[in-house]
PDB file of N, CA and C in Angstrom:
ATOM      1  N   UNK A   1     -12.164  12.459  -9.635  1.00  0.00           N
ATOM      2  CA  UNK A   1     -11.356  13.600  -9.249  1.00  0.00           C
ATOM      3  C   UNK A   1      -9.894  13.206  -9.330  1.00  0.00           C
ATOM      4  N   UNK A   2      -9.103  14.024  -9.906  1.00  0.00           N
ATOM      5  CA  UNK A   2      -7.674  13.746 -10.025  1.00  0.00           C
ATOM      6  C   UNK A   2      -6.892  14.970  -9.570  1.00  0.00           C
ATOM      7  N   UNK A   3      -5.990  14.746  -8.637  1.00  0.00           N
ATOM      8  CA  UNK A   3      -5.088  15.795  -8.186  1.00  0.00           C
ATOM      9  C   UNK A   3      -3.725  15.515  -8.789  1.00  0.00           C
ATOM     10  N   UNK A   4      -3.107  16.527  -9.321  1.00  0.00           N
ATOM     11  CA  UNK A   4      -1.809  16.349  -9.946  1.00  0.00           C
ATOM     12  C   UNK A   4      -0.833  17.345  -9.350  1.00  0.00           C
ATOM     13  N   UNK A   5       0.329  16.840  -8.960  1.00  0.00           N
ATOM     14  CA  UNK A   5       1.400  17.709  -8.496  1.00  0.00           C
ATOM     15  C   UNK A   5       2.577  17.522  -9.439  1.00  0.00           C
ATOM     16  N   UNK A   6       3.395  18.538  -9.534  1.00  0.00           N
ATOM     17  CA  UNK A   6       4.526  18.516 -10.448  1.00  0.00           C
ATOM     18  C   UNK A   6       5.812  18.719  -9.658  1.00  0.00           C
ATOM     19  N   UNK A   7       6.870  18.154 -10.190  1.00  0.00           N
ATOM     20  CA  UNK A   7       8.181  18.357  -9.593  1.00  0.00           C
ATOM     21  C   UNK A   7       9.215  18.332 -10.702  1.00  0.00           C
ATOM     22  N   UNK A   8      10.074  19.310 -10.713  1.00  0.00           N
ATOM     23  CA  UNK A   8      11.134  19.374 -11.711  1.00  0.00           C
ATOM     24  C   UNK A   8      12.378  18.703 -11.138  1.00  0.00           C
ATOM     25  N   UNK A   9      12.937  17.754 -11.888  1.00  0.00           N
ATOM     26  CA  UNK A   9      14.160  17.092 -11.473  1.00  0.00           C
ATOM     27  C   UNK A   9      15.140  17.117 -12.626  1.00  0.00           C
ATOM     28  N   UNK A  10      16.428  17.189 -12.302  1.00  0.00           N
ATOM     29  CA  UNK A  10      17.410  17.165 -13.390  1.00  0.00           C
ATOM     30  C   UNK A  10      17.598  15.736 -13.899  1.00  0.00           C
ATOM     31  N   UNK A  11      17.609  15.577 -15.188  1.00  0.00           N
ATOM     32  CA  UNK A  11      17.892  14.294 -15.823  1.00  0.00           C
ATOM     33  C   UNK A  11      19.255  14.422 -16.467  1.00  0.00           C
ATOM     34  N   UNK A  12      20.256  13.853 -15.861  1.00  0.00           N
ATOM     35  CA  UNK A  12      21.619  14.033 -16.340  1.00  0.00           C
ATOM     36  C   UNK A  12      21.868  13.179 -17.574  1.00  0.00           C
ATOM     37  N   UNK A  13      22.536  13.755 -18.514  1.00  0.00           N
ATOM     38  CA  UNK A  13      22.928  13.049 -19.723  1.00  0.00           C
ATOM     39  C   UNK A  13      24.438  12.840 -19.673  1.00  0.00           C
ATOM     40  N   UNK A  14      25.051  12.566 -20.799  1.00  0.00           N
ATOM     41  CA  UNK A  14      26.502  12.382 -20.833  1.00  0.00           C
ATOM     42  C   UNK A  14      27.242  13.667 -20.486  1.00  0.00           C
ATOM     43  N   UNK A  15      26.632  14.786 -20.799  1.00  0.00           N
ATOM     44  CA  UNK A  15      27.239  16.067 -20.492  1.00  0.00           C
ATOM     45  C   UNK A  15      26.777  16.489 -19.095  1.00  0.00           C
ATOM     46  N   UNK A  16      27.599  16.266 -18.073  1.00  0.00           N
ATOM     47  CA  UNK A  16      27.201  16.506 -16.688  1.00  0.00           C
ATOM     48  C   UNK A  16      27.159  17.982 -16.314  1.00  0.00           C
ATOM     49  N   UNK A  17      27.707  18.846 -17.144  1.00  0.00           N
ATOM     50  CA  UNK A  17      27.737  20.257 -16.784  1.00  0.00           C
ATOM     51  C   UNK A  17      26.401  20.948 -17.040  1.00  0.00           C
ATOM     52  N   UNK A  18      25.630  20.451 -17.999  1.00  0.00           N
ATOM     53  CA  UNK A  18      24.344  21.093 -18.278  1.00  0.00           C
ATOM     54  C   UNK A  18      23.239  20.023 -18.287  1.00  0.00           C
ATOM     55  N   UNK A  19      22.607  19.815 -17.148  1.00  0.00           N
ATOM     56  CA  UNK A  19      21.571  18.783 -17.100  1.00  0.00           C
ATOM     57  C   UNK A  19      20.299  19.235 -17.815  1.00  0.00           C
ATOM     58  N   UNK A  20      19.576  18.304 -18.355  1.00  0.00           N
ATOM     59  CA  UNK A  20      18.262  18.595 -18.926  1.00  0.00           C
ATOM     60  C   UNK A  20      17.229  18.379 -17.831  1.00  0.00           C
ATOM     61  N   UNK A  21      16.253  19.232 -17.809  1.00  0.00           N
ATOM     62  CA  UNK A  21      15.238  19.139 -16.773  1.00  0.00           C
ATOM     63  C   UNK A  21      14.033  18.376 -17.301  1.00  0.00           C
ATOM     64  N   UNK A  22      13.450  17.584 -16.444  1.00  0.00           N
ATOM     65  CA  UNK A  22      12.253  16.846 -16.825  1.00  0.00           C
ATOM     66  C   UNK A  22      11.176  17.053 -15.775  1.00  0.00           C
ATOM     67  N   UNK A  23       9.929  16.933 -16.186  1.00  0.00           N
ATOM     68  CA  UNK A  23       8.785  17.132 -15.309  1.00  0.00           C
ATOM     69  C   UNK A  23       8.246  15.769 -14.892  1.00  0.00           C
ATOM     70  N   UNK A  24       8.071  15.567 -13.605  1.00  0.00           N
ATOM     71  CA  UNK A  24       7.462  14.341 -13.093  1.00  0.00           C
ATOM     72  C   UNK A  24       6.065  14.695 -12.609  1.00  0.00           C
ATOM     73  N   UNK A  25       5.077  13.955 -13.068  1.00  0.00           N
ATOM     74  CA  UNK A  25       3.689  14.188 -12.692  1.00  0.00           C
ATOM     75  C   UNK A  25       3.257  13.127 -11.690  1.00  0.00           C
ATOM     76  N   UNK A  26       2.801  13.556 -10.521  1.00  0.00           N
ATOM     77  CA  UNK A  26       2.260  12.655  -9.525  1.00  0.00           C
ATOM     78  C   UNK A  26       0.749  12.808  -9.553  1.00  0.00           C
ATOM     79  N   UNK A  27       0.030  11.701  -9.656  1.00  0.00           N
ATOM     80  CA  UNK A  27      -1.423  11.759  -9.760  1.00  0.00           C
ATOM     81  C   UNK A  27      -2.074  11.001  -8.613  1.00  0.00           C
ATOM     82  N   UNK A  28      -3.147  11.559  -8.097  1.00  0.00           N
ATOM     83  CA  UNK A  28      -3.998  10.881  -7.133  1.00  0.00           C
ATOM     84  C   UNK A  28      -5.379  10.812  -7.759  1.00  0.00           C
ATOM     85  N   UNK A  29      -5.889   9.619  -7.923  1.00  0.00           N
ATOM     86  CA  UNK A  29      -7.220   9.459  -8.502  1.00  0.00           C
ATOM     87  C   UNK A  29      -8.101   8.724  -7.514  1.00  0.00           C
ATOM     88  N   UNK A  30      -9.341   9.153  -7.433  1.00  0.00           N
ATOM     89  CA  UNK A  30     -10.281   8.589  -6.470  1.00  0.00           C
ATOM     90  C   UNK A  30     -10.553   7.125  -6.759  1.00  0.00           C
ATOM     91  N   UNK A  31     -10.684   6.758  -8.031  1.00  0.00           N
ATOM     92  CA  UNK A  31     -10.972   5.360  -8.336  1.00  0.00           C
ATOM     93  C   UNK A  31      -9.793   4.456  -7.990  1.00  0.00           C
ATOM     94  N   UNK A  32      -8.559   4.951  -8.131  1.00  0.00           N
ATOM     95  CA  UNK A  32      -7.391   4.170  -7.733  1.00  0.00           C
ATOM     96  C   UNK A  32      -7.375   3.969  -6.225  1.00  0.00           C
ATOM     97  N   UNK A  33      -7.709   5.009  -5.480  1.00  0.00           N
ATOM     98  CA  UNK A  33      -7.768   4.899  -4.026  1.00  0.00           C
ATOM     99  C   UNK A  33      -8.878   3.945  -3.597  1.00  0.00           C
ATOM    100  N   UNK A  34     -10.002   3.970  -4.308  1.00  0.00           N
ATOM    101  CA  UNK A  34     -11.108   3.066  -3.990  1.00  0.00           C
ATOM    102  C   UNK A  34     -10.689   1.610  -4.181  1.00  0.00           C
ATOM    103  N   UNK A  35      -9.963   1.322  -5.250  1.00  0.00           N
ATOM    104  CA  UNK A  35      -9.479  -0.039  -5.478  1.00  0.00           C
ATOM    105  C   UNK A  35      -8.485  -0.449  -4.404  1.00  0.00           C
ATOM    106  N   UNK A  36      -7.656   0.480  -3.957  1.00  0.00           N
ATOM    107  CA  UNK A  36      -6.685   0.169  -2.906  1.00  0.00           C
ATOM    108  C   UNK A  36      -7.385  -0.170  -1.601  1.00  0.00           C
ATOM    109  N   UNK A  37      -8.393   0.620  -1.239  1.00  0.00           N
ATOM    110  CA  UNK A  37      -9.129   0.377   0.006  1.00  0.00           C
ATOM    111  C   UNK A  37      -9.871  -0.955  -0.073  1.00  0.00           C
ATOM    112  N   UNK A  38     -10.423  -1.268  -1.238  1.00  0.00           N
ATOM    113  CA  UNK A  38     -11.128  -2.537  -1.398  1.00  0.00           C
ATOM    114  C   UNK A  38     -10.165  -3.715  -1.250  1.00  0.00           C
ATOM    115  N   UNK A  39      -8.965  -3.584  -1.789  1.00  0.00           N
ATOM    116  CA  UNK A  39      -7.954  -4.632  -1.639  1.00  0.00           C
ATOM    117  C   UNK A  39      -7.515  -4.799  -0.195  1.00  0.00           C
ATOM    118  N   UNK A  40      -7.379  -3.694   0.526  1.00  0.00           N
ATOM    119  CA  UNK A  40      -7.002  -3.756   1.938  1.00  0.00           C
ATOM    120  C   UNK A  40      -8.101  -4.435   2.738  1.00  0.00           C
ATOM    121  N   UNK A  41      -9.365  -4.098   2.471  1.00  0.00           N
ATOM    122  CA  UNK A  41     -10.482  -4.729   3.165  1.00  0.00           C
ATOM    123  C   UNK A  41     -10.521  -6.233   2.905  1.00  0.00           C
ATOM    124  N   UNK A  42     -10.198  -6.636   1.688  1.00  0.00           N
ATOM    125  CA  UNK A  42     -10.176  -8.064   1.361  1.00  0.00           C
ATOM    126  C   UNK A  42      -9.062  -8.775   2.132  1.00  0.00           C
ATOM    127  N   UNK A  43      -7.902  -8.160   2.252  1.00  0.00           N
ATOM    128  CA  UNK A  43      -6.805  -8.747   3.019  1.00  0.00           C
ATOM    129  C   UNK A  43      -7.174  -8.877   4.493  1.00  0.00           C
ATOM    130  N   UNK A  44      -7.886  -7.880   5.019  1.00  0.00           N
ATOM    131  CA  UNK A  44      -8.291  -7.926   6.425  1.00  0.00           C
ATOM    132  C   UNK A  44      -9.325  -9.022   6.643  1.00  0.00           C
ATOM    133  N   UNK A  45     -10.266  -9.189   5.694  1.00  0.00           N
ATOM    134  CA  UNK A  45     -11.248 -10.286   5.806  1.00  0.00           C
ATOM    135  C   UNK A  45     -10.557 -11.641   5.819  1.00  0.00           C
ATOM    136  N   UNK A  46      -9.556 -11.812   4.967  1.00  0.00           N
ATOM    137  CA  UNK A  46      -8.812 -13.074   4.942  1.00  0.00           C
ATOM    138  C   UNK A  46      -8.062 -13.280   6.258  1.00  0.00           C
ATOM    139  N   UNK A  47      -7.483 -12.216   6.810  1.00  0.00           N
ATOM    140  CA  UNK A  47      -6.770 -12.326   8.085  1.00  0.00           C
ATOM    141  C   UNK A  47      -7.728 -12.688   9.209  1.00  0.00           C
ATOM    142  N   UNK A  48      -8.927 -12.111   9.201  1.00  0.00           N
ATOM    143  CA  UNK A  48      -9.912 -12.439  10.233  1.00  0.00           C
ATOM    144  C   UNK A  48     -10.349 -13.900  10.132  1.00  0.00           C
ATOM    145  N   UNK A  49     -10.555 -14.396   8.892  1.00  0.00           N
ATOM    146  CA  UNK A  49     -10.936 -15.800   8.712  1.00  0.00           C
ATOM    147  C   UNK A  49      -9.817 -16.735   9.168  1.00  0.00           C
ATOM    148  N   UNK A  50      -8.574 -16.377   8.873  1.00  0.00           N
ATOM    149  CA  UNK A  50      -7.449 -17.202   9.282  1.00  0.00           C
ATOM    150  C   UNK A  50      -7.280 -17.166  10.793  1.00  0.00           C
ATOM    151  N   UNK A  51      -7.463 -16.008  11.407  1.00  0.00           N
ATOM    152  CA  UNK A  51      -7.344 -15.892  12.865  1.00  0.00           C
ATOM    153  C   UNK A  51      -8.437 -16.686  13.576  1.00  0.00           C
ATOM    154  N   UNK A  52      -9.618 -16.779  12.951  1.00  0.00           N
ATOM    155  CA  UNK A  52     -10.711 -17.532  13.543  1.00  0.00           C
ATOM    156  C   UNK A  52     -10.549 -19.038  13.333  1.00  0.00           C
ATOM    157  N   UNK A  53      -9.593 -19.425  12.474  1.00  0.00           N
ATOM    158  CA  UNK A  53      -9.339 -20.841  12.242  1.00  0.00           C
ATOM    159  C   UNK A  53     -10.115 -21.426  11.088  1.00  0.00           C
ATOM    160  N   UNK A  54     -10.791 -20.610  10.304  1.00  0.00           N
ATOM    161  CA  UNK A  54     -11.576 -21.098   9.180  1.00  0.00           C
ATOM    162  C   UNK A  54     -10.737 -21.350   7.940  1.00  0.00           C
ATOM    163  N   UNK A  55      -9.589 -20.716   7.826  1.00  0.00           N
ATOM    164  CA  UNK A  55      -8.773 -20.850   6.619  1.00  0.00           C
ATOM    165  C   UNK A  55      -7.307 -20.969   7.008  1.00  0.00           C
ATOM    166  N   UNK A  56      -6.602 -21.858   6.342  1.00  0.00           N
ATOM    167  CA  UNK A  56      -5.168 -21.999   6.558  1.00  0.00           C
ATOM    168  C   UNK A  56      -4.366 -21.265   5.499  1.00  0.00           C
ATOM    169  N   UNK A  57      -4.954 -21.057   4.338  1.00  0.00           N
ATOM    170  CA  UNK A  57      -4.227 -20.434   3.234  1.00  0.00           C
ATOM    171  C   UNK A  57      -3.847 -19.003   3.575  1.00  0.00           C
ATOM    172  N   UNK A  58      -2.659 -18.621   3.201  1.00  0.00           N
ATOM    173  CA  UNK A  58      -2.214 -17.248   3.421  1.00  0.00           C
ATOM    174  C   UNK A  58      -1.755 -16.973   4.836  1.00  0.00           C
ATOM    175  N   UNK A  59      -1.403 -18.029   5.559  1.00  0.00           N
ATOM    176  CA  UNK A  59      -0.997 -17.846   6.950  1.00  0.00           C
ATOM    177  C   UNK A  59       0.273 -17.011   7.058  1.00  0.00           C
ATOM    178  N   UNK A  60       1.230 -17.247   6.180  1.00  0.00           N
ATOM    179  CA  UNK A  60       2.492 -16.513   6.240  1.00  0.00           C
ATOM    180  C   UNK A  60       2.497 -15.282   5.343  1.00  0.00           C
ATOM    181  N   UNK A  61       1.573 -15.210   4.389  1.00  0.00           N
ATOM    182  CA  UNK A  61       1.629 -14.128   3.417  1.00  0.00           C
ATOM    183  C   UNK A  61       0.800 -12.918   3.800  1.00  0.00           C
ATOM    184  N   UNK A  62      -0.061 -13.020   4.790  1.00  0.00           N
ATOM    185  CA  UNK A  62      -0.938 -11.912   5.132  1.00  0.00           C
ATOM    186  C   UNK A  62      -0.223 -10.972   6.090  1.00  0.00           C
ATOM    187  N   UNK A  63      -0.092  -9.702   5.707  1.00  0.00           N
ATOM    188  CA  UNK A  63       0.650  -8.757   6.545  1.00  0.00           C
ATOM    189  C   UNK A  63      -0.157  -8.267   7.726  1.00  0.00           C
ATOM    190  N   UNK A  64      -1.470  -8.457   7.723  1.00  0.00           N
ATOM    191  CA  UNK A  64      -2.304  -8.012   8.841  1.00  0.00           C
ATOM    192  C   UNK A  64      -2.463  -9.086   9.911  1.00  0.00           C
ATOM    193  N   UNK A  65      -1.892 -10.249   9.702  1.00  0.00           N
ATOM    194  CA  UNK A  65      -2.001 -11.355  10.637  1.00  0.00           C
ATOM    195  C   UNK A  65      -0.738 -11.419  11.483  1.00  0.00           C
ATOM    196  N   UNK A  66      -0.905 -11.492  12.804  1.00  0.00           N
ATOM    197  CA  UNK A  66       0.226 -11.560  13.713  1.00  0.00           C
ATOM    198  C   UNK A  66       0.201 -12.912  14.409  1.00  0.00           C
ATOM    199  N   UNK A  67       1.323 -13.604  14.381  1.00  0.00           N
ATOM    200  CA  UNK A  67       1.458 -14.894  15.051  1.00  0.00           C
ATOM    201  C   UNK A  67       2.380 -14.718  16.243  1.00  0.00           C
ATOM    202  N   UNK A  68       1.893 -15.063  17.421  1.00  0.00           N
ATOM    203  CA  UNK A  68       2.750 -15.001  18.606  1.00  0.00           C
ATOM    204  C   UNK A  68       2.338 -16.131  19.546  1.00  0.00           C
ATOM    205  N   UNK A  69       3.242 -17.065  19.738  1.00  0.00           N
ATOM    206  CA  UNK A  69       2.984 -18.177  20.644  1.00  0.00           C
ATOM    207  C   UNK A  69       1.864 -19.090  20.164  1.00  0.00           C
ATOM    208  N   UNK A  70       1.687 -19.214  18.877  1.00  0.00           N
ATOM    209  CA  UNK A  70       0.633 -20.068  18.348  1.00  0.00           C
ATOM    210  C   UNK A  70      -0.734 -19.417  18.316  1.00  0.00           C
ATOM    211  N   UNK A  71      -0.818 -18.168  18.730  1.00  0.00           N
ATOM    212  CA  UNK A  71      -2.090 -17.441  18.730  1.00  0.00           C
ATOM    213  C   UNK A  71      -2.089 -16.487  17.543  1.00  0.00           C
ATOM    214  N   UNK A  72      -3.143 -16.548  16.743  1.00  0.00           N
ATOM    215  CA  UNK A  72      -3.270 -15.680  15.569  1.00  0.00           C
ATOM    216  C   UNK A  72      -4.186 -14.506  15.902  1.00  0.00           C
ATOM    217  N   UNK A  73      -3.704 -13.322  15.632  1.00  0.00           N
ATOM    218  CA  UNK A  73      -4.515 -12.126  15.845  1.00  0.00           C
ATOM    219  C   UNK A  73      -4.382 -11.200  14.642  1.00  0.00           C
ATOM    220  N   UNK A  74      -5.369 -10.335  14.473  1.00  0.00           N
ATOM    221  CA  UNK A  74      -5.343  -9.350  13.399  1.00  0.00           C
ATOM    222  C   UNK A  74      -4.720  -8.080  13.955  1.00  0.00           C
ATOM    223  N   UNK A  75      -3.747  -7.538  13.244  1.00  0.00           N
ATOM    224  CA  UNK A  75      -3.042  -6.329  13.664  1.00  0.00           C
ATOM    225  C   UNK A  75      -3.877  -5.105  13.286  1.00  0.00           C
ATOM    226  N   UNK A  76      -4.679  -4.619  14.220  1.00  0.00           N
ATOM    227  CA  UNK A  76      -5.572  -3.482  13.963  1.00  0.00           C
ATOM    228  C   UNK A  76      -4.816  -2.161  13.861  1.00  0.00           C
ATOM    229  N   UNK A  77      -3.672  -2.061  14.545  1.00  0.00           N
ATOM    230  CA  UNK A  77      -2.873  -0.823  14.442  1.00  0.00           C
ATOM    231  C   UNK A  77      -2.362  -0.636  13.020  1.00  0.00           C
ATOM    232  N   UNK A  78      -1.884  -1.731  12.424  1.00  0.00           N
ATOM    233  CA  UNK A  78      -1.406  -1.662  11.044  1.00  0.00           C
ATOM    234  C   UNK A  78      -2.556  -1.359  10.089  1.00  0.00           C
ATOM    235  N   UNK A  79      -3.725  -1.914  10.365  1.00  0.00           N
ATOM    236  CA  UNK A  79      -4.901  -1.636   9.524  1.00  0.00           C
ATOM    237  C   UNK A  79      -5.229  -0.145   9.510  1.00  0.00           C
ATOM    238  N   UNK A  80      -5.238   0.477  10.688  1.00  0.00           N
ATOM    239  CA  UNK A  80      -5.524   1.907  10.766  1.00  0.00           C
ATOM    240  C   UNK A  80      -4.467   2.750  10.083  1.00  0.00           C
ATOM    241  N   UNK A  81      -3.212   2.338  10.231  1.00  0.00           N
ATOM    242  CA  UNK A  81      -2.106   3.077   9.621  1.00  0.00           C
ATOM    243  C   UNK A  81      -2.170   3.003   8.096  1.00  0.00           C
ATOM    244  N   UNK A  82      -2.464   1.814   7.561  1.00  0.00           N
ATOM    245  CA  UNK A  82      -2.517   1.649   6.109  1.00  0.00           C
ATOM    246  C   UNK A  82      -3.703   2.415   5.523  1.00  0.00           C
ATOM    247  N   UNK A  83      -4.840   2.376   6.185  1.00  0.00           N
ATOM    248  CA  UNK A  83      -6.014   3.088   5.673  1.00  0.00           C
ATOM    249  C   UNK A  83      -5.837   4.600   5.773  1.00  0.00           C
ATOM    250  N   UNK A  84      -5.017   5.044   6.710  1.00  0.00           N
ATOM    251  CA  UNK A  84      -4.753   6.467   6.847  1.00  0.00           C
ATOM    252  C   UNK A  84      -3.996   7.011   5.645  1.00  0.00           C
ATOM    253  N   UNK A  85      -3.093   6.216   5.072  1.00  0.00           N
ATOM    254  CA  UNK A  85      -2.234   6.683   3.996  1.00  0.00           C
ATOM    255  C   UNK A  85      -2.771   6.368   2.598  1.00  0.00           C
ATOM    256  N   UNK A  86      -3.956   5.823   2.483  1.00  0.00           N
ATOM    257  CA  UNK A  86      -4.515   5.540   1.142  1.00  0.00           C
ATOM    258  C   UNK A  86      -5.243   6.744   0.635  1.00  0.00           C
TER     259      UNK A  86
END
């Protein structure tokens, strides 16, 4: 399933008095969203493994991992927010 929205924006050329209009197509595809959700789930699994102490890799690069006072936790609020917007 693909949803497409359109928006007309002016594309200015050298002649600023008469802009040319161009169409921008925004697409939402189910398979793209599925890949995004799968990637988010993989990041959360890595954060859970790191929080449990099983993995050191990705300690600073994982956005779902919160470090405070030497304690590693998974940021569940951010997880819900990110999944809401996919």
